[in-house]
Each structure stands twice: as structure tokens, then as C-alpha cells.
């Protein structure tokens, strides 16, 4: 399964390009704000890629907590694992997707 993944929210390359942890927090919150506005009419997914050896460092972890607190403070946000997303899709959309594919390929 492939969940939309954007390298812009991956902490490792950002830190290698000399961004600071507070920059990472600003980028994450800016992307969330945009997706949250768009999500009012259609669901959106935001993948935050972080690594314990990068954002888990004592001098950076407060910025990760800041991002998570910010995102989760908004109504309607679903914090989910990829497995939970896949399970939801399979339970709610898989049959319709298969039926559509059958019609298109007929």
C-alpha cells in the first residue's frame, strides 16, 4: 500500500539542508493549515515523516510536540496509522472501486 508521502515533511533531508527544528514545525503547520481548509469539502491526508534520531533529539523534540499538539487541537482530525487508513478504505470504498474498475475495463 502507498499512502501519499511528501518529502517536504521529512525531517532528515530538511535537517541535512540546514533547516532548524523550528523551521520544520513552521513547514508542518503551514501545510496542515492549507490541507485543513481544503479538507472542509473533501478529505485530505498529511503524512509527517520524522525519525527519532532527528526530531527525537532533546533539543528538537519540543518542536515535534508543538506540531502534533497543533494538528490534533483541530476538530475532525483523525490521527491514524497506515494500517488504519487501509482498513477504513477496504471497509468503505474497496467494493465500489472494484466495481468501477470492472465497468471501465469491460
PDB file of N, CA and C in Angstrom:
ATOM      1  N   UNK A   1       0.833  -1.177   0.000  1.00  0.00           N
ATOM      2  CA  UNK A   1       0.000   0.000   0.000  1.00  0.00           C
ATOM      3  C   UNK A   1       0.881   1.245   0.000  1.00  0.00           C
ATOM      4  N   UNK A   2       0.445   2.251  -0.683  1.00  0.00           N
ATOM      5  CA  UNK A   2       1.191   3.511  -0.749  1.00  0.00           C
ATOM      6  C   UNK A   2       0.287   4.639  -0.287  1.00  0.00           C
ATOM      7  N   UNK A   3       0.672   5.292   0.763  1.00  0.00           N
ATOM      8  CA  UNK A   3      -0.051   6.455   1.282  1.00  0.00           C
ATOM      9  C   UNK A   3       0.641   7.693   0.711  1.00  0.00           C
ATOM     10  N   UNK A   4      -0.096   8.723   0.323  1.00  0.00           N
ATOM     11  CA  UNK A   4       0.595   9.925  -0.178  1.00  0.00           C
ATOM     12  C   UNK A   4       1.693  10.369   0.788  1.00  0.00           C
ATOM     13  N   UNK A   5       2.862  10.548   0.250  1.00  0.00           N
ATOM     14  CA  UNK A   5       4.040  10.855   1.049  1.00  0.00           C
ATOM     15  C   UNK A   5       4.742  12.039   0.417  1.00  0.00           C
ATOM     16  N   UNK A   6       4.977  13.056   1.207  1.00  0.00           N
ATOM     17  CA  UNK A   6       5.688  14.214   0.685  1.00  0.00           C
ATOM     18  C   UNK A   6       7.014  14.373   1.419  1.00  0.00           C
ATOM     19  N   UNK A   7       8.064  14.500   0.661  1.00  0.00           N
ATOM     20  CA  UNK A   7       9.379  14.636   1.279  1.00  0.00           C
ATOM     21  C   UNK A   7       9.549  15.980   1.976  1.00  0.00           C
ATOM     22  N   UNK A   8       8.669  16.919   1.685  1.00  0.00           N
ATOM     23  CA  UNK A   8       8.770  18.236   2.319  1.00  0.00           C
ATOM     24  C   UNK A   8       8.613  18.158   3.832  1.00  0.00           C
ATOM     25  N   UNK A   9       7.899  17.139   4.315  1.00  0.00           N
ATOM     26  CA  UNK A   9       7.699  16.990   5.753  1.00  0.00           C
ATOM     27  C   UNK A   9       8.562  15.887   6.341  1.00  0.00           C
ATOM     28  N   UNK A  10       9.635  15.547   5.654  1.00  0.00           N
ATOM     29  CA  UNK A  10      10.576  14.550   6.144  1.00  0.00           C
ATOM     30  C   UNK A  10      11.708  15.283   6.859  1.00  0.00           C
ATOM     31  N   UNK A  11      11.848  15.023   8.127  1.00  0.00           N
ATOM     32  CA  UNK A  11      12.822  15.768   8.925  1.00  0.00           C
ATOM     33  C   UNK A  11      14.277  15.540   8.512  1.00  0.00           C
ATOM     34  N   UNK A  12      14.620  14.337   8.084  1.00  0.00           N
ATOM     35  CA  UNK A  12      16.020  14.030   7.792  1.00  0.00           C
ATOM     36  C   UNK A  12      16.601  14.897   6.670  1.00  0.00           C
ATOM     37  N   UNK A  13      15.963  14.954   5.483  1.00  0.00           N
ATOM     38  CA  UNK A  13      16.550  15.810   4.454  1.00  0.00           C
ATOM     39  C   UNK A  13      16.505  17.297   4.804  1.00  0.00           C
ATOM     40  N   UNK A  14      15.465  17.714   5.514  1.00  0.00           N
ATOM     41  CA  UNK A  14      15.408  19.129   5.893  1.00  0.00           C
ATOM     42  C   UNK A  14      16.581  19.507   6.790  1.00  0.00           C
ATOM     43  N   UNK A  15      16.875  18.662   7.744  1.00  0.00           N
ATOM     44  CA  UNK A  15      17.990  18.962   8.644  1.00  0.00           C
ATOM     45  C   UNK A  15      19.324  18.912   7.902  1.00  0.00           C
ATOM     46  N   UNK A  16      19.431  18.007   6.915  1.00  0.00           N
ATOM     47  CA  UNK A  16      20.660  17.958   6.104  1.00  0.00           C
ATOM     48  C   UNK A  16      20.821  19.221   5.264  1.00  0.00           C
ATOM     49  N   UNK A  17      19.698  19.867   4.949  1.00  0.00           N
ATOM     50  CA  UNK A  17      19.755  21.109   4.158  1.00  0.00           C
ATOM     51  C   UNK A  17      19.779  22.336   5.068  1.00  0.00           C
ATOM     52  N   UNK A  18      20.164  22.128   6.294  1.00  0.00           N
ATOM     53  CA  UNK A  18      20.417  23.197   7.264  1.00  0.00           C
ATOM     54  C   UNK A  18      19.165  23.928   7.741  1.00  0.00           C
ATOM     55  N   UNK A  19      18.015  23.275   7.658  1.00  0.00           N
ATOM     56  CA  UNK A  19      16.842  23.822   8.324  1.00  0.00           C
ATOM     57  C   UNK A  19      16.966  23.507   9.806  1.00  0.00           C
ATOM     58  N   UNK A  20      16.326  24.315  10.613  1.00  0.00           N
ATOM     59  CA  UNK A  20      16.303  24.077  12.051  1.00  0.00           C
ATOM     60  C   UNK A  20      14.970  23.451  12.432  1.00  0.00           C
ATOM     61  N   UNK A  21      14.887  22.925  13.627  1.00  0.00           N
ATOM     62  CA  UNK A  21      13.671  22.249  14.081  1.00  0.00           C
ATOM     63  C   UNK A  21      12.472  23.191  14.103  1.00  0.00           C
ATOM     64  N   UNK A  22      12.697  24.459  14.416  1.00  0.00           N
ATOM     65  CA  UNK A  22      11.572  25.397  14.405  1.00  0.00           C
ATOM     66  C   UNK A  22      11.076  25.634  12.970  1.00  0.00           C
ATOM     67  N   UNK A  23      11.960  25.556  11.982  1.00  0.00           N
ATOM     68  CA  UNK A  23      11.545  25.640  10.577  1.00  0.00           C
ATOM     69  C   UNK A  23      10.666  24.446  10.221  1.00  0.00           C
ATOM     70  N   UNK A  24      11.064  23.267  10.684  1.00  0.00           N
ATOM     71  CA  UNK A  24      10.286  22.053  10.436  1.00  0.00           C
ATOM     72  C   UNK A  24       8.875  22.223  10.999  1.00  0.00           C
ATOM     73  N   UNK A  25       8.773  22.763  12.195  1.00  0.00           N
ATOM     74  CA  UNK A  25       7.460  22.986  12.809  1.00  0.00           C
ATOM     75  C   UNK A  25       6.634  23.974  11.984  1.00  0.00           C
ATOM     76  N   UNK A  26       7.250  25.040  11.532  1.00  0.00           N
ATOM     77  CA  UNK A  26       6.528  26.030  10.713  1.00  0.00           C
ATOM     78  C   UNK A  26       6.035  25.419   9.405  1.00  0.00           C
ATOM     79  N   UNK A  27       6.875  24.622   8.762  1.00  0.00           N
ATOM     80  CA  UNK A  27       6.502  23.980   7.495  1.00  0.00           C
ATOM     81  C   UNK A  27       5.336  23.020   7.711  1.00  0.00           C
ATOM     82  N   UNK A  28       5.427  22.211   8.747  1.00  0.00           N
ATOM     83  CA  UNK A  28       4.350  21.255   9.036  1.00  0.00           C
ATOM     84  C   UNK A  28       3.037  21.980   9.309  1.00  0.00           C
ATOM     85  N   UNK A  29       3.076  23.025  10.115  1.00  0.00           N
ATOM     86  CA  UNK A  29       1.848  23.743  10.452  1.00  0.00           C
ATOM     87  C   UNK A  29       1.273  24.466   9.239  1.00  0.00           C
ATOM     88  N   UNK A  30       2.130  25.018   8.385  1.00  0.00           N
ATOM     89  CA  UNK A  30       1.645  25.685   7.174  1.00  0.00           C
ATOM     90  C   UNK A  30       0.974  24.687   6.241  1.00  0.00           C
ATOM     91  N   UNK A  31       1.573  23.510   6.078  1.00  0.00           N
ATOM     92  CA  UNK A  31       0.951  22.502   5.224  1.00  0.00           C
ATOM     93  C   UNK A  31      -0.369  22.035   5.832  1.00  0.00           C
ATOM     94  N   UNK A  32      -0.383  21.816   7.138  1.00  0.00           N
ATOM     95  CA  UNK A  32      -1.621  21.405   7.788  1.00  0.00           C
ATOM     96  C   UNK A  32      -2.719  22.446   7.589  1.00  0.00           C
ATOM     97  N   UNK A  33      -2.399  23.722   7.787  1.00  0.00           N
ATOM     98  CA  UNK A  33      -3.406  24.776   7.651  1.00  0.00           C
ATOM     99  C   UNK A  33      -4.054  24.749   6.271  1.00  0.00           C
ATOM    100  N   UNK A  34      -3.249  24.574   5.248  1.00  0.00           N
ATOM    101  CA  UNK A  34      -3.779  24.524   3.884  1.00  0.00           C
ATOM    102  C   UNK A  34      -4.670  23.288   3.688  1.00  0.00           C
ATOM    103  N   UNK A  35      -4.176  22.145   4.102  1.00  0.00           N
ATOM    104  CA  UNK A  35      -4.943  20.915   3.935  1.00  0.00           C
ATOM    105  C   UNK A  35      -6.211  20.925   4.782  1.00  0.00           C
ATOM    106  N   UNK A  36      -6.164  21.533   5.941  1.00  0.00           N
ATOM    107  CA  UNK A  36      -7.345  21.604   6.805  1.00  0.00           C
ATOM    108  C   UNK A  36      -8.430  22.450   6.144  1.00  0.00           C
ATOM    109  N   UNK A  37      -8.037  23.575   5.546  1.00  0.00           N
ATOM    110  CA  UNK A  37      -9.019  24.409   4.824  1.00  0.00           C
ATOM    111  C   UNK A  37      -9.604  23.631   3.650  1.00  0.00           C
ATOM    112  N   UNK A  38      -8.762  22.975   2.879  1.00  0.00           N
ATOM    113  CA  UNK A  38      -9.237  22.190   1.739  1.00  0.00           C
ATOM    114  C   UNK A  38     -10.095  21.012   2.202  1.00  0.00           C
ATOM    115  N   UNK A  39      -9.777  20.467   3.343  1.00  0.00           N
ATOM    116  CA  UNK A  39     -10.486  19.306   3.862  1.00  0.00           C
ATOM    117  C   UNK A  39     -11.892  19.596   4.330  1.00  0.00           C
ATOM    118  N   UNK A  40     -12.279  20.863   4.362  1.00  0.00           N
ATOM    119  CA  UNK A  40     -13.645  21.199   4.759  1.00  0.00           C
ATOM    120  C   UNK A  40     -14.648  20.634   3.763  1.00  0.00           C
ATOM    121  N   UNK A  41     -14.241  20.486   2.506  1.00  0.00           N
ATOM    122  CA  UNK A  41     -15.158  19.980   1.484  1.00  0.00           C
ATOM    123  C   UNK A  41     -14.763  18.601   0.956  1.00  0.00           C
ATOM    124  N   UNK A  42     -13.554  18.154   1.257  1.00  0.00           N
ATOM    125  CA  UNK A  42     -13.086  16.872   0.755  1.00  0.00           C
ATOM    126  C   UNK A  42     -11.909  16.431   1.623  1.00  0.00           C
ATOM    127  N   UNK A  43     -11.918  15.196   2.075  1.00  0.00           N
ATOM    128  CA  UNK A  43     -10.879  14.725   2.977  1.00  0.00           C
ATOM    129  C   UNK A  43      -9.469  14.908   2.439  1.00  0.00           C
ATOM    130  N   UNK A  44      -8.535  15.119   3.332  1.00  0.00           N
ATOM    131  CA  UNK A  44      -7.129  15.287   2.976  1.00  0.00           C
ATOM    132  C   UNK A  44      -6.280  14.421   3.890  1.00  0.00           C
ATOM    133  N   UNK A  45      -5.091  14.085   3.436  1.00  0.00           N
ATOM    134  CA  UNK A  45      -4.161  13.288   4.209  1.00  0.00           C
ATOM    135  C   UNK A  45      -2.846  14.034   4.324  1.00  0.00           C
ATOM    136  N   UNK A  46      -2.278  14.023   5.509  1.00  0.00           N
ATOM    137  CA  UNK A  46      -0.985  14.665   5.731  1.00  0.00           C
ATOM    138  C   UNK A  46      -0.076  13.658   6.420  1.00  0.00           C
ATOM    139  N   UNK A  47       0.969  13.288   5.747  1.00  0.00           N
ATOM    140  CA  UNK A  47       1.948  12.356   6.287  1.00  0.00           C
ATOM    141  C   UNK A  47       3.127  13.159   6.834  1.00  0.00           C
ATOM    142  N   UNK A  48       3.399  12.995   8.118  1.00  0.00           N
ATOM    143  CA  UNK A  48       4.538  13.662   8.744  1.00  0.00           C
ATOM    144  C   UNK A  48       5.612  12.609   8.966  1.00  0.00           C
ATOM    145  N   UNK A  49       6.714  12.736   8.257  1.00  0.00           N
ATOM    146  CA  UNK A  49       7.813  11.771   8.376  1.00  0.00           C
ATOM    147  C   UNK A  49       8.858  12.326   9.333  1.00  0.00           C
ATOM    148  N   UNK A  50       8.986  11.659  10.447  1.00  0.00           N
ATOM    149  CA  UNK A  50      10.029  12.071  11.388  1.00  0.00           C
ATOM    150  C   UNK A  50      10.749  10.833  11.901  1.00  0.00           C
ATOM    151  N   UNK A  51      11.964  11.049  12.315  1.00  0.00           N
ATOM    152  CA  UNK A  51      12.835   9.963  12.748  1.00  0.00           C
ATOM    153  C   UNK A  51      13.325  10.260  14.163  1.00  0.00           C
ATOM    154  N   UNK A  52      13.305   9.274  15.033  1.00  0.00           N
ATOM    155  CA  UNK A  52      13.760   9.508  16.406  1.00  0.00           C
ATOM    156  C   UNK A  52      15.183  10.076  16.487  1.00  0.00           C
ATOM    157  N   UNK A  53      16.043   9.665  15.565  1.00  0.00           N
ATOM    158  CA  UNK A  53      17.417  10.167  15.614  1.00  0.00           C
ATOM    159  C   UNK A  53      17.535  11.617  15.136  1.00  0.00           C
ATOM    160  N   UNK A  54      16.462  12.152  14.551  1.00  0.00           N
ATOM    161  CA  UNK A  54      16.472  13.551  14.101  1.00  0.00           C
ATOM    162  C   UNK A  54      15.601  14.390  15.042  1.00  0.00           C
ATOM    163  N   UNK A  55      14.280  14.267  14.914  1.00  0.00           N
ATOM    164  CA  UNK A  55      13.382  15.101  15.723  1.00  0.00           C
ATOM    165  C   UNK A  55      13.273  14.617  17.158  1.00  0.00           C
ATOM    166  N   UNK A  56      13.710  13.405  17.436  1.00  0.00           N
ATOM    167  CA  UNK A  56      13.662  12.895  18.796  1.00  0.00           C
ATOM    168  C   UNK A  56      14.801  13.363  19.676  1.00  0.00           C
ATOM    169  N   UNK A  57      15.688  14.139  19.116  1.00  0.00           N
ATOM    170  CA  UNK A  57      16.813  14.665  19.892  1.00  0.00           C
ATOM    171  C   UNK A  57      16.286  15.642  20.939  1.00  0.00           C
ATOM    172  N   UNK A  58      16.921  15.701  22.103  1.00  0.00           N
ATOM    173  CA  UNK A  58      16.403  16.546  23.182  1.00  0.00           C
ATOM    174  C   UNK A  58      16.167  18.008  22.798  1.00  0.00           C
ATOM    175  N   UNK A  59      17.014  18.571  21.952  1.00  0.00           N
ATOM    176  CA  UNK A  59      16.853  19.973  21.593  1.00  0.00           C
ATOM    177  C   UNK A  59      15.831  20.198  20.478  1.00  0.00           C
ATOM    178  N   UNK A  60      15.292  19.115  19.885  1.00  0.00           N
ATOM    179  CA  UNK A  60      14.317  19.247  18.797  1.00  0.00           C
ATOM    180  C   UNK A  60      12.935  18.717  19.148  1.00  0.00           C
ATOM    181  N   UNK A  61      12.848  17.819  20.089  1.00  0.00           N
ATOM    182  CA  UNK A  61      11.593  17.103  20.321  1.00  0.00           C
ATOM    183  C   UNK A  61      10.445  18.040  20.703  1.00  0.00           C
ATOM    184  N   UNK A  62      10.740  19.171  21.317  1.00  0.00           N
ATOM    185  CA  UNK A  62       9.653  20.094  21.673  1.00  0.00           C
ATOM    186  C   UNK A  62       8.953  20.629  20.423  1.00  0.00           C
ATOM    187  N   UNK A  63       9.658  20.719  19.304  1.00  0.00           N
ATOM    188  CA  UNK A  63       9.042  21.207  18.067  1.00  0.00           C
ATOM    189  C   UNK A  63       8.126  20.148  17.453  1.00  0.00           C
ATOM    190  N   UNK A  64       8.500  18.890  17.595  1.00  0.00           N
ATOM    191  CA  UNK A  64       7.616  17.817  17.146  1.00  0.00           C
ATOM    192  C   UNK A  64       6.346  17.807  17.996  1.00  0.00           C
ATOM    193  N   UNK A  65       6.494  17.936  19.298  1.00  0.00           N
ATOM    194  CA  UNK A  65       5.328  18.003  20.188  1.00  0.00           C
ATOM    195  C   UNK A  65       4.445  19.197  19.834  1.00  0.00           C
ATOM    196  N   UNK A  66       5.058  20.315  19.505  1.00  0.00           N
ATOM    197  CA  UNK A  66       4.314  21.515  19.108  1.00  0.00           C
ATOM    198  C   UNK A  66       3.466  21.235  17.862  1.00  0.00           C
ATOM    199  N   UNK A  67       4.053  20.569  16.880  1.00  0.00           N
ATOM    200  CA  UNK A  67       3.324  20.241  15.647  1.00  0.00           C
ATOM    201  C   UNK A  67       2.162  19.311  15.954  1.00  0.00           C
ATOM    202  N   UNK A  68       2.418  18.242  16.682  1.00  0.00           N
ATOM    203  CA  UNK A  68       1.363  17.280  16.977  1.00  0.00           C
ATOM    204  C   UNK A  68       0.246  17.905  17.808  1.00  0.00           C
ATOM    205  N   UNK A  69       0.603  18.705  18.797  1.00  0.00           N
ATOM    206  CA  UNK A  69      -0.416  19.402  19.598  1.00  0.00           C
ATOM    207  C   UNK A  69      -1.261  20.319  18.724  1.00  0.00           C
ATOM    208  N   UNK A  70      -0.601  21.038  17.823  1.00  0.00           N
ATOM    209  CA  UNK A  70      -1.308  21.963  16.937  1.00  0.00           C
ATOM    210  C   UNK A  70      -2.292  21.228  16.036  1.00  0.00           C
ATOM    211  N   UNK A  71      -1.810  20.204  15.363  1.00  0.00           N
ATOM    212  CA  UNK A  71      -2.644  19.449  14.429  1.00  0.00           C
ATOM    213  C   UNK A  71      -3.822  18.807  15.152  1.00  0.00           C
ATOM    214  N   UNK A  72      -3.547  18.161  16.269  1.00  0.00           N
ATOM    215  CA  UNK A  72      -4.591  17.431  16.975  1.00  0.00           C
ATOM    216  C   UNK A  72      -5.559  18.329  17.737  1.00  0.00           C
ATOM    217  N   UNK A  73      -5.259  19.616  17.829  1.00  0.00           N
ATOM    218  CA  UNK A  73      -6.170  20.547  18.503  1.00  0.00           C
ATOM    219  C   UNK A  73      -7.336  20.966  17.611  1.00  0.00           C
ATOM    220  N   UNK A  74      -7.312  20.582  16.349  1.00  0.00           N
ATOM    221  CA  UNK A  74      -8.362  20.958  15.401  1.00  0.00           C
ATOM    222  C   UNK A  74      -9.453  19.891  15.345  1.00  0.00           C
ATOM    223  N   UNK A  75     -10.689  20.351  15.226  1.00  0.00           N
ATOM    224  CA  UNK A  75     -11.823  19.436  15.120  1.00  0.00           C
ATOM    225  C   UNK A  75     -11.731  18.607  13.848  1.00  0.00           C
ATOM    226  N   UNK A  76     -12.148  17.352  13.955  1.00  0.00           N
ATOM    227  CA  UNK A  76     -12.252  16.495  12.778  1.00  0.00           C
ATOM    228  C   UNK A  76     -10.958  15.869  12.312  1.00  0.00           C
ATOM    229  N   UNK A  77      -9.868  16.061  13.026  1.00  0.00           N
ATOM    230  CA  UNK A  77      -8.590  15.464  12.627  1.00  0.00           C
ATOM    231  C   UNK A  77      -8.564  14.020  13.105  1.00  0.00           C
ATOM    232  N   UNK A  78      -8.212  13.131  12.194  1.00  0.00           N
ATOM    233  CA  UNK A  78      -8.100  11.718  12.524  1.00  0.00           C
ATOM    234  C   UNK A  78      -6.637  11.340  12.506  1.00  0.00           C
ATOM    235  N   UNK A  79      -6.095  11.010  13.647  1.00  0.00           N
ATOM    236  CA  UNK A  79      -4.719  10.537  13.748  1.00  0.00           C
ATOM    237  C   UNK A  79      -4.757   9.037  13.516  1.00  0.00           C
ATOM    238  N   UNK A  80      -4.153   8.582  12.420  1.00  0.00           N
ATOM    239  CA  UNK A  80      -4.263   7.180  12.053  1.00  0.00           C
ATOM    240  C   UNK A  80      -2.941   6.633  11.532  1.00  0.00           C
ATOM    241  N   UNK A  81      -2.780   5.344  11.705  1.00  0.00           N
ATOM    242  CA  UNK A  81      -1.641   4.652  11.115  1.00  0.00           C
ATOM    243  C   UNK A  81      -2.001   4.287   9.673  1.00  0.00           C
ATOM    244  N   UNK A  82      -1.015   3.874   8.903  1.00  0.00           N
ATOM    245  CA  UNK A  82      -1.306   3.441   7.535  1.00  0.00           C
ATOM    246  C   UNK A  82      -2.221   2.224   7.532  1.00  0.00           C
ATOM    247  N   UNK A  83      -2.057   1.340   8.495  1.00  0.00           N
ATOM    248  CA  UNK A  83      -2.947   0.178   8.584  1.00  0.00           C
ATOM    249  C   UNK A  83      -4.388   0.600   8.845  1.00  0.00           C
ATOM    250  N   UNK A  84      -4.571   1.574   9.701  1.00  0.00           N
ATOM    251  CA  UNK A  84      -5.929   2.056   9.996  1.00  0.00           C
ATOM    252  C   UNK A  84      -6.559   2.709   8.769  1.00  0.00           C
ATOM    253  N   UNK A  85      -5.762   3.430   8.003  1.00  0.00           N
ATOM    254  CA  UNK A  85      -6.260   4.052   6.775  1.00  0.00           C
ATOM    255  C   UNK A  85      -6.644   2.970   5.769  1.00  0.00           C
ATOM    256  N   UNK A  86      -5.793   1.972   5.619  1.00  0.00           N
ATOM    257  CA  UNK A  86      -6.086   0.878   4.692  1.00  0.00           C
ATOM    258  C   UNK A  86      -7.350   0.126   5.113  1.00  0.00           C
ATOM    259  N   UNK A  87      -7.482  -0.151   6.392  1.00  0.00           N
ATOM    260  CA  UNK A  87      -8.681  -0.837   6.884  1.00  0.00           C
ATOM    261  C   UNK A  87      -9.940  -0.027   6.599  1.00  0.00           C
ATOM    262  N   UNK A  88      -9.868   1.270   6.799  1.00  0.00           N
ATOM    263  CA  UNK A  88     -11.018   2.139   6.531  1.00  0.00           C
ATOM    264  C   UNK A  88     -11.373   2.102   5.044  1.00  0.00           C
ATOM    265  N   UNK A  89     -10.369   2.208   4.195  1.00  0.00           N
ATOM    266  CA  UNK A  89     -10.595   2.158   2.748  1.00  0.00           C
ATOM    267  C   UNK A  89     -11.236   0.835   2.349  1.00  0.00           C
ATOM    268  N   UNK A  90     -10.670  -0.247   2.825  1.00  0.00           N
ATOM    269  CA  UNK A  90     -11.193  -1.566   2.469  1.00  0.00           C
ATOM    270  C   UNK A  90     -12.638  -1.737   2.931  1.00  0.00           C
ATOM    271  N   UNK A  91     -12.951  -1.251   4.108  1.00  0.00           N
ATOM    272  CA  UNK A  91     -14.302  -1.393   4.652  1.00  0.00           C
ATOM    273  C   UNK A  91     -15.317  -0.482   3.959  1.00  0.00           C
ATOM    274  N   UNK A  92     -14.863   0.653   3.432  1.00  0.00           N
ATOM    275  CA  UNK A  92     -15.804   1.657   2.938  1.00  0.00           C
ATOM    276  C   UNK A  92     -15.775   1.917   1.435  1.00  0.00           C
ATOM    277  N   UNK A  93     -14.671   1.624   0.767  1.00  0.00           N
ATOM    278  CA  UNK A  93     -14.534   2.023  -0.638  1.00  0.00           C
ATOM    279  C   UNK A  93     -14.051   0.931  -1.582  1.00  0.00           C
ATOM    280  N   UNK A  94     -13.504  -0.125  -1.081  1.00  0.00           N
ATOM    281  CA  UNK A  94     -12.896  -1.147  -1.929  1.00  0.00           C
ATOM    282  C   UNK A  94     -13.896  -1.737  -2.914  1.00  0.00           C
ATOM    283  N   UNK A  95     -15.061  -2.146  -2.445  1.00  0.00           N
ATOM    284  CA  UNK A  95     -16.051  -2.764  -3.330  1.00  0.00           C
ATOM    285  C   UNK A  95     -16.468  -1.811  -4.453  1.00  0.00           C
ATOM    286  N   UNK A  96     -16.656  -0.554  -4.120  1.00  0.00           N
ATOM    287  CA  UNK A  96     -17.023   0.430  -5.139  1.00  0.00           C
ATOM    288  C   UNK A  96     -15.892   0.618  -6.143  1.00  0.00           C
ATOM    289  N   UNK A  97     -14.652   0.607  -5.675  1.00  0.00           N
ATOM    290  CA  UNK A  97     -13.502   0.754  -6.576  1.00  0.00           C
ATOM    291  C   UNK A  97     -13.389  -0.446  -7.513  1.00  0.00           C
ATOM    292  N   UNK A  98     -13.616  -1.637  -7.006  1.00  0.00           N
ATOM    293  CA  UNK A  98     -13.565  -2.844  -7.833  1.00  0.00           C
ATOM    294  C   UNK A  98     -14.680  -2.808  -8.873  1.00  0.00           C
ATOM    295  N   UNK A  99     -15.876  -2.417  -8.449  1.00  0.00           N
ATOM    296  CA  UNK A  99     -16.999  -2.328  -9.395  1.00  0.00           C
ATOM    297  C   UNK A  99     -16.718  -1.294 -10.478  1.00  0.00           C
ATOM    298  N   UNK A 100     -16.159  -0.165 -10.104  1.00  0.00           N
ATOM    299  CA  UNK A 100     -15.810   0.875 -11.085  1.00  0.00           C
ATOM    300  C   UNK A 100     -14.766   0.346 -12.081  1.00  0.00           C
ATOM    301  N   UNK A 101     -13.743  -0.312 -11.559  1.00  0.00           N
ATOM    302  CA  UNK A 101     -12.688  -0.867 -12.437  1.00  0.00           C
ATOM    303  C   UNK A 101     -13.274  -1.878 -13.407  1.00  0.00           C
ATOM    304  N   UNK A 102     -14.208  -2.682 -12.935  1.00  0.00           N
ATOM    305  CA  UNK A 102     -14.837  -3.671 -13.811  1.00  0.00           C
ATOM    306  C   UNK A 102     -15.632  -2.995 -14.936  1.00  0.00           C
ATOM    307  N   UNK A 103     -16.326  -1.898 -14.591  1.00  0.00           N
ATOM    308  CA  UNK A 103     -17.089  -1.164 -15.624  1.00  0.00           C
ATOM    309  C   UNK A 103     -16.153  -0.504 -16.623  1.00  0.00           C
ATOM    310  N   UNK A 104     -15.093   0.078 -16.165  1.00  0.00           N
ATOM    311  CA  UNK A 104     -14.151   0.776 -17.039  1.00  0.00           C
ATOM    312  C   UNK A 104     -13.414  -0.194 -17.945  1.00  0.00           C
ATOM    313  N   UNK A 105     -13.089  -1.350 -17.430  1.00  0.00           N
ATOM    314  CA  UNK A 105     -12.317  -2.324 -18.186  1.00  0.00           C
ATOM    315  C   UNK A 105     -13.173  -3.293 -18.989  1.00  0.00           C
ATOM    316  N   UNK A 106     -14.489  -3.117 -18.919  1.00  0.00           N
ATOM    317  CA  UNK A 106     -15.390  -4.048 -19.655  1.00  0.00           C
ATOM    318  C   UNK A 106     -15.418  -3.757 -21.127  1.00  0.00           C
TER     319      UNK A 106
END
